[in-house]
Amino acid sequence: MKISVYILLCFFTITASASIDINQLRKDYVASVKSSAKTDELCEKLEAVKNPDALIMAYLGSVQAVKAKHAWNPVNKMAFLKKGFAILNKAVEKDPNHIEIRFLRYSLQYYVPAFLGYSNNLEADKDKIVQLVKNSERTQLKVPANVLNNIVKFMLESKKCNAQEQAILKKAIT
């Protein structure tokens, strides 16, 4: 009896994680930046995932941080940022060579005012993203071509990359 309950719980855990369509998650995340309701909906969906992989964890942290954008109370804004970046940092620790995870943290740090103290990894994430693009085959980067193109375009538009880094990034655009 205990074994069958355990197997059933394992099945639901695997199913919950597997039920996240990563392409839809990416679209929902972009929509969450513009919509408080979408942010809350996506946050609930991701919080329900048991034993999330590093990428799901990164999106959860990112959505938590985006909640700060929609909050009007400064105390809540800071609480959302703190919680979001804590989760996001754990995702980076879990898979430090995943370009999309690094990019999620980079992009949030880029938009959050530096004086709040959440931009400590901006340079390290930029360097890691450039290194991954330079030293990895496209298939090793664990992202589809369109996602890689969007990452590279954002990096170039951020004006945080020097000429050598820009040249490396431009080679990755298809």
C-alpha atoms as a PDB file:
ATOM      1  CA  MET A   1       0.000   0.000   0.000  1.00  0.00           C
ATOM      2  CA  LYS A   2       2.750   2.470   0.959  1.00  0.00           C
ATOM      3  CA  ILE A   3       4.678   1.617  -2.179  1.00  0.00           C
ATOM      4  CA  SER A   4       1.717   2.293  -4.462  1.00  0.00           C
ATOM      5  CA  VAL A   5       1.071   5.644  -2.763  1.00  0.00           C
ATOM      6  CA  TYR A   6       4.743   6.522  -3.183  1.00  0.00           C
ATOM      7  CA  ILE A   7       4.691   5.543  -6.865  1.00  0.00           C
ATOM      8  CA  LEU A   8       1.521   7.572  -7.383  1.00  0.00           C
ATOM      9  CA  LEU A   9       3.092  10.629  -5.734  1.00  0.00           C
ATOM     10  CA  CYS A  10       6.202  10.255  -7.881  1.00  0.00           C
ATOM     11  CA  PHE A  11       4.033  10.015 -10.979  1.00  0.00           C
ATOM     12  CA  PHE A  12       2.159  13.229 -10.123  1.00  0.00           C
ATOM     13  CA  THR A  13       5.429  15.026  -9.399  1.00  0.00           C
ATOM     14  CA  ILE A  14       6.883  13.981 -12.743  1.00  0.00           C
ATOM     15  CA  THR A  15       3.635  14.793 -14.532  1.00  0.00           C
ATOM     16  CA  ALA A  16       3.388  18.262 -12.986  1.00  0.00           C
ATOM     17  CA  SER A  17       6.907  19.120 -14.123  1.00  0.00           C
ATOM     18  CA  ALA A  18       6.419  17.529 -17.533  1.00  0.00           C
ATOM     19  CA  SER A  19       3.107  19.351 -18.039  1.00  0.00           C
ATOM     20  CA  ILE A  20       4.880  22.690 -18.362  1.00  0.00           C
ATOM     21  CA  ASP A  21       5.201  23.538 -22.037  1.00  0.00           C
ATOM     22  CA  ILE A  22       8.410  25.562 -22.113  1.00  0.00           C
ATOM     23  CA  ASN A  23       7.450  27.415 -25.296  1.00  0.00           C
ATOM     24  CA  GLN A  24       4.144  28.459 -23.770  1.00  0.00           C
ATOM     25  CA  LEU A  25       5.962  29.367 -20.547  1.00  0.00           C
ATOM     26  CA  ARG A  26       8.204  31.731 -22.502  1.00  0.00           C
ATOM     27  CA  LYS A  27       5.169  33.414 -24.081  1.00  0.00           C
ATOM     28  CA  ASP A  28       3.357  33.634 -20.737  1.00  0.00           C
ATOM     29  CA  TYR A  29       6.426  35.157 -19.110  1.00  0.00           C
ATOM     30  CA  VAL A  30       6.600  37.922 -21.723  1.00  0.00           C
ATOM     31  CA  ALA A  31       2.868  38.550 -21.224  1.00  0.00           C
ATOM     32  CA  SER A  32       3.359  38.690 -17.444  1.00  0.00           C
ATOM     33  CA  VAL A  33       5.554  41.757 -17.793  1.00  0.00           C
ATOM     34  CA  LYS A  34       2.535  43.670 -19.095  1.00  0.00           C
ATOM     35  CA  SER A  35      -0.220  42.085 -17.004  1.00  0.00           C
ATOM     36  CA  SER A  36      -0.497  41.752 -13.258  1.00  0.00           C
ATOM     37  CA  ALA A  37      -3.192  39.102 -13.639  1.00  0.00           C
ATOM     38  CA  LYS A  38      -0.988  37.069 -15.986  1.00  0.00           C
ATOM     39  CA  THR A  39       1.893  37.402 -13.545  1.00  0.00           C
ATOM     40  CA  ASP A  40      -0.190  36.048 -10.672  1.00  0.00           C
ATOM     41  CA  GLU A  41      -1.586  33.235 -12.829  1.00  0.00           C
ATOM     42  CA  LEU A  42       1.848  32.173 -14.038  1.00  0.00           C
ATOM     43  CA  CYS A  43       3.334  32.405 -10.564  1.00  0.00           C
ATOM     44  CA  GLU A  44       0.627  30.103  -9.188  1.00  0.00           C
ATOM     45  CA  LYS A  45       1.171  27.624 -12.008  1.00  0.00           C
ATOM     46  CA  LEU A  46       4.932  27.509 -11.456  1.00  0.00           C
ATOM     47  CA  GLU A  47       4.651  27.313  -7.658  1.00  0.00           C
ATOM     48  CA  ALA A  48       2.512  24.199  -8.112  1.00  0.00           C
ATOM     49  CA  VAL A  49       5.364  22.357  -9.842  1.00  0.00           C
ATOM     50  CA  LYS A  50       6.979  19.903  -7.451  1.00  0.00           C
ATOM     51  CA  ASN A  51      10.738  19.438  -7.762  1.00  0.00           C
ATOM     52  CA  PRO A  52      11.154  21.912 -10.632  1.00  0.00           C
ATOM     53  CA  ASP A  53      14.216  21.707 -12.838  1.00  0.00           C
ATOM     54  CA  ALA A  54      16.570  24.686 -12.936  1.00  0.00           C
ATOM     55  CA  LEU A  55      14.836  26.350 -15.905  1.00  0.00           C
ATOM     56  CA  ILE A  56      11.369  26.180 -14.341  1.00  0.00           C
ATOM     57  CA  MET A  57      12.899  27.473 -11.107  1.00  0.00           C
ATOM     58  CA  ALA A  58      14.473  30.366 -13.021  1.00  0.00           C
ATOM     59  CA  TYR A  59      11.142  31.305 -14.555  1.00  0.00           C
ATOM     60  CA  LEU A  60       9.473  31.126 -11.137  1.00  0.00           C
ATOM     61  CA  GLY A  61      12.099  33.455  -9.692  1.00  0.00           C
ATOM     62  CA  SER A  62      11.752  35.782 -12.647  1.00  0.00           C
ATOM     63  CA  VAL A  63       7.965  35.924 -12.349  1.00  0.00           C
ATOM     64  CA  GLN A  64       8.278  36.621  -8.615  1.00  0.00           C
ATOM     65  CA  ALA A  65      10.584  39.533  -9.433  1.00  0.00           C
ATOM     66  CA  VAL A  66       8.191  40.794 -12.130  1.00  0.00           C
ATOM     67  CA  LYS A  67       5.472  40.923  -9.467  1.00  0.00           C
ATOM     68  CA  ALA A  68       7.445  43.860  -8.045  1.00  0.00           C
ATOM     69  CA  LYS A  69       6.712  45.815 -11.222  1.00  0.00           C
ATOM     70  CA  HIS A  70       2.984  45.445 -10.677  1.00  0.00           C
ATOM     71  CA  ALA A  71       2.970  46.094  -6.916  1.00  0.00           C
ATOM     72  CA  TRP A  72       2.290  49.619  -5.718  1.00  0.00           C
ATOM     73  CA  ASN A  73       3.518  49.191  -2.138  1.00  0.00           C
ATOM     74  CA  PRO A  74       7.326  49.707  -1.895  1.00  0.00           C
ATOM     75  CA  VAL A  75       7.601  47.109   0.886  1.00  0.00           C
ATOM     76  CA  ASN A  76       5.859  44.518  -1.299  1.00  0.00           C
ATOM     77  CA  LYS A  77       8.002  45.499  -4.277  1.00  0.00           C
ATOM     78  CA  MET A  78      11.161  44.794  -2.292  1.00  0.00           C
ATOM     79  CA  ALA A  79       9.768  41.532  -0.903  1.00  0.00           C
ATOM     80  CA  PHE A  80       8.931  40.293  -4.413  1.00  0.00           C
ATOM     81  CA  LEU A  81      12.388  41.233  -5.676  1.00  0.00           C
ATOM     82  CA  LYS A  82      14.104  39.545  -2.735  1.00  0.00           C
ATOM     83  CA  LYS A  83      12.122  36.328  -3.123  1.00  0.00           C
ATOM     84  CA  GLY A  84      12.463  36.315  -6.918  1.00  0.00           C
ATOM     85  CA  PHE A  85      16.197  36.829  -6.954  1.00  0.00           C
ATOM     86  CA  ALA A  86      16.714  34.228  -4.214  1.00  0.00           C
ATOM     87  CA  ILE A  87      14.933  31.624  -6.364  1.00  0.00           C
ATOM     88  CA  LEU A  88      16.706  32.777  -9.505  1.00  0.00           C
ATOM     89  CA  ASN A  89      20.106  32.566  -7.816  1.00  0.00           C
ATOM     90  CA  LYS A  90      19.343  28.986  -6.757  1.00  0.00           C
ATOM     91  CA  ALA A  91      18.463  28.156 -10.362  1.00  0.00           C
ATOM     92  CA  VAL A  92      21.817  29.562 -11.510  1.00  0.00           C
ATOM     93  CA  GLU A  93      23.589  27.494  -8.842  1.00  0.00           C
ATOM     94  CA  LYS A  94      21.698  24.403 -10.011  1.00  0.00           C
ATOM     95  CA  ASP A  95      22.638  24.877 -13.693  1.00  0.00           C
ATOM     96  CA  PRO A  96      25.274  27.634 -14.080  1.00  0.00           C
ATOM     97  CA  ASN A  97      25.898  26.870 -17.755  1.00  0.00           C
ATOM     98  CA  HIS A  98      22.321  27.226 -18.973  1.00  0.00           C
ATOM     99  CA  ILE A  99      22.244  30.304 -21.174  1.00  0.00           C
ATOM    100  CA  GLU A 100      18.512  30.964 -20.735  1.00  0.00           C
ATOM    101  CA  ILE A 101      18.757  30.875 -16.947  1.00  0.00           C
ATOM    102  CA  ARG A 102      21.695  33.269 -17.010  1.00  0.00           C
ATOM    103  CA  PHE A 103      19.811  35.499 -19.422  1.00  0.00           C
ATOM    104  CA  LEU A 104      16.707  35.639 -17.237  1.00  0.00           C
ATOM    105  CA  ARG A 105      18.806  36.859 -14.319  1.00  0.00           C
ATOM    106  CA  TYR A 106      20.795  39.231 -16.540  1.00  0.00           C
ATOM    107  CA  SER A 107      17.699  40.845 -18.023  1.00  0.00           C
ATOM    108  CA  LEU A 108      16.078  41.377 -14.639  1.00  0.00           C
ATOM    109  CA  GLN A 109      19.270  42.871 -13.231  1.00  0.00           C
ATOM    110  CA  TYR A 110      19.461  45.122 -16.263  1.00  0.00           C
ATOM    111  CA  TYR A 111      16.029  46.616 -15.548  1.00  0.00           C
ATOM    112  CA  VAL A 112      16.148  46.745 -11.745  1.00  0.00           C
ATOM    113  CA  PRO A 113      17.783  49.966 -10.541  1.00  0.00           C
ATOM    114  CA  ALA A 114      21.352  49.227  -9.412  1.00  0.00           C
ATOM    115  CA  PHE A 115      20.950  51.106  -6.116  1.00  0.00           C
ATOM    116  CA  LEU A 116      18.558  48.375  -4.927  1.00  0.00           C
ATOM    117  CA  GLY A 117      21.481  45.944  -4.789  1.00  0.00           C
ATOM    118  CA  TYR A 118      20.195  43.305  -7.196  1.00  0.00           C
ATOM    119  CA  SER A 119      22.705  43.966  -9.968  1.00  0.00           C
ATOM    120  CA  ASN A 120      25.690  42.226  -8.377  1.00  0.00           C
ATOM    121  CA  ASN A 121      25.802  39.476 -11.012  1.00  0.00           C
ATOM    122  CA  LEU A 122      25.152  41.606 -14.083  1.00  0.00           C
ATOM    123  CA  GLU A 123      28.756  41.556 -15.312  1.00  0.00           C
ATOM    124  CA  ALA A 124      29.290  37.881 -14.424  1.00  0.00           C
ATOM    125  CA  ASP A 125      26.099  36.871 -16.249  1.00  0.00           C
ATOM    126  CA  LYS A 126      27.059  38.934 -19.297  1.00  0.00           C
ATOM    127  CA  ASP A 127      30.496  37.329 -19.347  1.00  0.00           C
ATOM    128  CA  LYS A 128      29.020  33.835 -18.962  1.00  0.00           C
ATOM    129  CA  ILE A 129      26.487  34.373 -21.736  1.00  0.00           C
ATOM    130  CA  VAL A 130      29.210  35.594 -24.104  1.00  0.00           C
ATOM    131  CA  GLN A 131      31.451  32.673 -23.098  1.00  0.00           C
ATOM    132  CA  LEU A 132      28.660  30.159 -23.701  1.00  0.00           C
ATOM    133  CA  VAL A 133      27.894  31.636 -27.114  1.00  0.00           C
ATOM    134  CA  LYS A 134      31.582  31.635 -28.037  1.00  0.00           C
ATOM    135  CA  ASN A 135      32.503  28.164 -26.788  1.00  0.00           C
ATOM    136  CA  SER A 136      29.357  26.132 -27.427  1.00  0.00           C
ATOM    137  CA  GLU A 137      27.720  24.626 -30.436  1.00  0.00           C
ATOM    138  CA  ARG A 138      24.162  25.891 -30.901  1.00  0.00           C
ATOM    139  CA  THR A 139      22.780  22.473 -29.912  1.00  0.00           C
ATOM    140  CA  GLN A 140      24.706  22.528 -26.627  1.00  0.00           C
ATOM    141  CA  LEU A 141      23.040  25.771 -25.538  1.00  0.00           C
ATOM    142  CA  LYS A 142      19.733  24.025 -24.711  1.00  0.00           C
ATOM    143  CA  VAL A 143      17.621  26.697 -26.424  1.00  0.00           C
ATOM    144  CA  PRO A 144      15.953  26.925 -29.837  1.00  0.00           C
ATOM    145  CA  ALA A 145      17.431  29.264 -32.448  1.00  0.00           C
ATOM    146  CA  ASN A 146      14.727  31.923 -31.983  1.00  0.00           C
ATOM    147  CA  VAL A 147      15.385  32.094 -28.228  1.00  0.00           C
ATOM    148  CA  LEU A 148      19.130  32.364 -28.793  1.00  0.00           C
ATOM    149  CA  ASN A 149      18.538  35.130 -31.340  1.00  0.00           C
ATOM    150  CA  ASN A 150      16.392  37.030 -28.846  1.00  0.00           C
ATOM    151  CA  ILE A 151      19.031  36.642 -26.132  1.00  0.00           C
ATOM    152  CA  VAL A 152      21.766  37.879 -28.449  1.00  0.00           C
ATOM    153  CA  LYS A 153      19.698  40.831 -29.690  1.00  0.00           C
ATOM    154  CA  PHE A 154      18.922  41.875 -26.108  1.00  0.00           C
ATOM    155  CA  MET A 155      22.593  41.589 -25.157  1.00  0.00           C
ATOM    156  CA  LEU A 156      23.615  43.749 -28.111  1.00  0.00           C
ATOM    157  CA  GLU A 157      20.896  46.338 -27.424  1.00  0.00           C
ATOM    158  CA  SER A 158      21.793  46.496 -23.738  1.00  0.00           C
ATOM    159  CA  LYS A 159      24.997  48.362 -24.648  1.00  0.00           C
ATOM    160  CA  LYS A 160      26.827  46.456 -21.894  1.00  0.00           C
ATOM    161  CA  CYS A 161      29.082  44.509 -24.272  1.00  0.00           C
ATOM    162  CA  ASN A 162      32.401  45.745 -25.622  1.00  0.00           C
ATOM    163  CA  ALA A 163      33.309  45.493 -29.324  1.00  0.00           C
ATOM    164  CA  GLN A 164      34.927  42.052 -28.988  1.00  0.00           C
ATOM    165  CA  GLU A 165      31.891  40.660 -27.112  1.00  0.00           C
ATOM    166  CA  GLN A 166      29.540  42.174 -29.687  1.00  0.00           C
ATOM    167  CA  ALA A 167      31.463  40.456 -32.491  1.00  0.00           C
ATOM    168  CA  ILE A 168      31.157  37.089 -30.707  1.00  0.00           C
ATOM    169  CA  LEU A 169      27.437  37.597 -30.167  1.00  0.00           C
ATOM    170  CA  LYS A 170      26.766  38.736 -33.738  1.00  0.00           C
ATOM    171  CA  LYS A 171      28.230  35.469 -35.067  1.00  0.00           C
ATOM    172  CA  ALA A 172      25.504  33.554 -33.203  1.00  0.00           C
ATOM    173  CA  ILE A 173      22.576  35.315 -34.896  1.00  0.00           C
ATOM    174  CA  THR A 174      20.956  33.244 -37.615  1.00  0.00           C
END
